[in-house]
Amino acid sequence: MAKSTPAEIVVEFDNSGGSLQNISQYSITLNGISVEQILERADSFGDSWEEHLPIGKGKVAPVTIGGHFDDTASTGPDALLKITTPDTPSSSSRTLKITWRSGVTTSVETYRQKYDRKPTRDGLTMFEATLQPTGATTEV
């Protein structure tokens, strides 16, 4: 099995026009893509152990990306990830694509949920964006 290194990871995000923009050079933290299936508690009276059954539905946990703040006009994380006006139900989702190593990718549609700029007295200003996935992931 081939391993993945940080140098191979590519992070891309949709610029609302449908074009993926490579934001790898701005990204230094990524909590990963966490896919889970939803389970319903199924133990009954008299059971001494908790039991669960799958309900046939899954979800993807929020994805958090962080790094050095950069307000490069159209391709920096501030331009792509900040929320200037709230989305509506008719707003288009934006694609997040992670390339783990050559030929191995995960893509998921997302909505921008939260964007923070984090200044510090003793360091560079950082950003952190939380993206809420919607729908299934596509794995290649």
Protein backbone atom coordinates (compact mmCIF):
# COMPACT_ATOMS: atom_id res chain seq x y z
CA MET A 1 0.00 0.00 0.00
CA ALA A 2 1.39 3.41 -0.97
CA LYS A 3 1.71 6.06 1.70
CA SER A 4 0.77 9.72 1.33
CA THR A 5 3.07 12.56 2.37
CA PRO A 6 2.27 16.23 3.03
CA ALA A 7 4.12 17.20 -0.15
CA GLU A 8 1.64 15.16 -2.21
CA ILE A 9 -1.54 16.64 -0.74
CA VAL A 10 -3.38 19.12 -2.94
CA VAL A 11 -6.32 21.14 -1.58
CA GLU A 12 -8.67 22.70 -4.13
CA PHE A 13 -11.82 24.76 -3.59
CA ASP A 14 -14.46 26.06 -5.99
CA ASN A 15 -14.40 29.81 -6.62
CA SER A 16 -18.23 30.01 -6.98
CA GLY A 17 -17.78 30.14 -10.73
CA GLY A 18 -17.22 26.42 -10.90
CA SER A 19 -13.43 26.48 -11.28
CA LEU A 20 -11.33 24.69 -8.68
CA GLN A 21 -8.56 26.86 -7.25
CA ASN A 22 -5.48 25.28 -5.71
CA ILE A 23 -5.18 26.59 -2.12
CA SER A 24 -2.53 24.10 -1.01
CA GLN A 25 0.15 26.77 -0.62
CA TYR A 26 -2.06 28.59 1.91
CA SER A 27 -3.21 25.51 3.84
CA ILE A 28 -1.29 24.10 6.80
CA THR A 29 -4.05 22.37 8.74
CA LEU A 30 -6.84 20.09 7.52
CA ASN A 31 -8.94 18.00 9.88
CA GLY A 32 -9.61 15.44 7.14
CA ILE A 33 -12.70 13.96 5.54
CA SER A 34 -14.72 12.03 8.12
CA VAL A 35 -17.55 9.93 6.65
CA GLU A 36 -19.95 8.16 8.97
CA GLN A 37 -23.16 6.24 8.72
CA ILE A 38 -26.03 7.20 10.94
CA LEU A 39 -27.10 4.57 13.46
CA GLU A 40 -30.30 4.37 15.46
CA ARG A 41 -30.33 3.06 18.97
CA ALA A 42 -32.11 -0.31 18.92
CA ASP A 43 -31.87 -1.81 22.42
CA SER A 44 -35.14 -2.68 24.10
CA PHE A 45 -36.36 -3.04 27.65
CA GLY A 46 -34.51 -5.81 29.42
CA ASP A 47 -31.33 -5.45 27.31
CA SER A 48 -28.21 -4.88 29.38
CA TRP A 49 -26.15 -3.56 26.45
CA GLU A 50 -26.81 -0.70 24.09
CA GLU A 51 -27.51 -1.85 20.52
CA HIS A 52 -27.58 0.07 17.22
CA LEU A 53 -28.87 -0.45 13.68
CA PRO A 54 -27.86 1.47 10.55
CA ILE A 55 -30.67 3.55 9.03
CA GLY A 56 -29.24 3.60 5.49
CA LYS A 57 -28.09 7.21 5.64
CA GLY A 58 -24.62 8.69 5.90
CA LYS A 59 -23.04 12.07 6.47
CA VAL A 60 -19.74 13.87 6.18
CA ALA A 61 -18.49 15.83 9.20
CA PRO A 62 -17.55 19.50 8.80
CA VAL A 63 -14.12 20.08 7.26
CA THR A 64 -11.82 22.68 8.80
CA ILE A 65 -8.97 24.17 6.78
CA GLY A 66 -6.48 26.63 8.25
CA GLY A 67 -3.31 28.42 7.35
CA HIS A 68 -1.63 31.77 6.88
CA PHE A 69 -4.05 34.58 6.05
CA ASP A 70 -3.63 35.85 2.49
CA ASP A 71 -5.95 38.25 0.69
CA THR A 72 -4.64 37.61 -2.84
CA ALA A 73 -7.38 39.03 -5.04
CA SER A 74 -9.10 36.03 -6.61
CA THR A 75 -7.20 32.91 -5.58
CA GLY A 76 -6.23 33.44 -1.94
CA PRO A 77 -8.12 31.82 0.92
CA ASP A 78 -9.70 35.12 1.99
CA ALA A 79 -11.24 35.62 -1.46
CA LEU A 80 -12.46 32.02 -1.74
CA LEU A 81 -13.53 31.17 1.81
CA LYS A 82 -14.76 34.34 3.53
CA ILE A 83 -18.49 34.85 3.88
CA THR A 84 -19.58 38.29 2.71
CA THR A 85 -23.30 37.49 2.43
CA PRO A 86 -25.09 34.41 3.73
CA ASP A 87 -26.01 31.71 1.22
CA THR A 88 -29.67 30.95 0.55
CA PRO A 89 -31.29 27.59 -0.24
CA SER A 90 -30.91 28.41 -3.94
CA SER A 91 -27.16 29.14 -3.61
CA SER A 92 -24.83 26.78 -5.42
CA SER A 93 -22.65 24.52 -3.32
CA ARG A 94 -18.87 24.67 -3.76
CA THR A 95 -16.62 21.71 -4.45
CA LEU A 96 -13.81 20.78 -2.08
CA LYS A 97 -11.30 18.35 -3.60
CA ILE A 98 -8.43 16.77 -1.73
CA THR A 99 -5.75 14.87 -3.63
CA TRP A 100 -4.04 12.55 -1.14
CA ARG A 101 -1.45 11.29 -3.62
CA SER A 102 -1.34 10.87 -7.38
CA GLY A 103 -4.60 9.29 -8.52
CA VAL A 104 -6.26 9.21 -5.07
CA THR A 105 -8.81 11.98 -4.49
CA THR A 106 -11.86 12.82 -2.42
CA SER A 107 -14.39 15.41 -3.58
CA VAL A 108 -17.49 16.69 -1.80
CA GLU A 109 -19.90 19.55 -2.29
CA THR A 110 -19.85 22.05 0.59
CA TYR A 111 -21.26 25.28 1.92
CA ARG A 112 -19.05 27.77 3.73
CA GLN A 113 -20.18 27.67 7.36
CA LYS A 114 -17.60 29.78 9.19
CA TYR A 115 -14.53 31.89 8.42
CA ASP A 116 -12.12 33.32 11.00
CA ARG A 117 -9.13 35.60 10.76
CA LYS A 118 -6.89 35.03 13.75
CA PRO A 119 -4.28 37.70 14.49
CA THR A 120 -1.62 37.08 17.13
CA ARG A 121 0.78 39.48 18.75
CA ASP A 122 3.79 37.24 18.20
CA GLY A 123 3.11 35.75 14.79
CA LEU A 124 1.47 35.91 11.42
CA THR A 125 -2.28 36.27 11.04
CA MET A 126 -3.94 32.93 10.39
CA PHE A 127 -7.26 31.92 8.84
CA GLU A 128 -9.58 29.05 9.63
CA ALA A 129 -12.56 28.04 7.50
CA THR A 130 -15.24 25.51 8.35
CA LEU A 131 -16.99 23.89 5.41
CA GLN A 132 -20.20 21.89 5.81
CA PRO A 133 -20.32 19.03 3.31
CA THR A 134 -23.64 18.24 1.66
CA GLY A 135 -24.27 14.90 0.01
CA ALA A 136 -21.94 12.00 -0.65
CA THR A 137 -18.20 12.08 -1.23
CA THR A 138 -16.72 11.03 -4.54
CA GLU A 139 -13.65 8.84 -4.13
CA VAL A 140 -11.25 8.12 -6.98
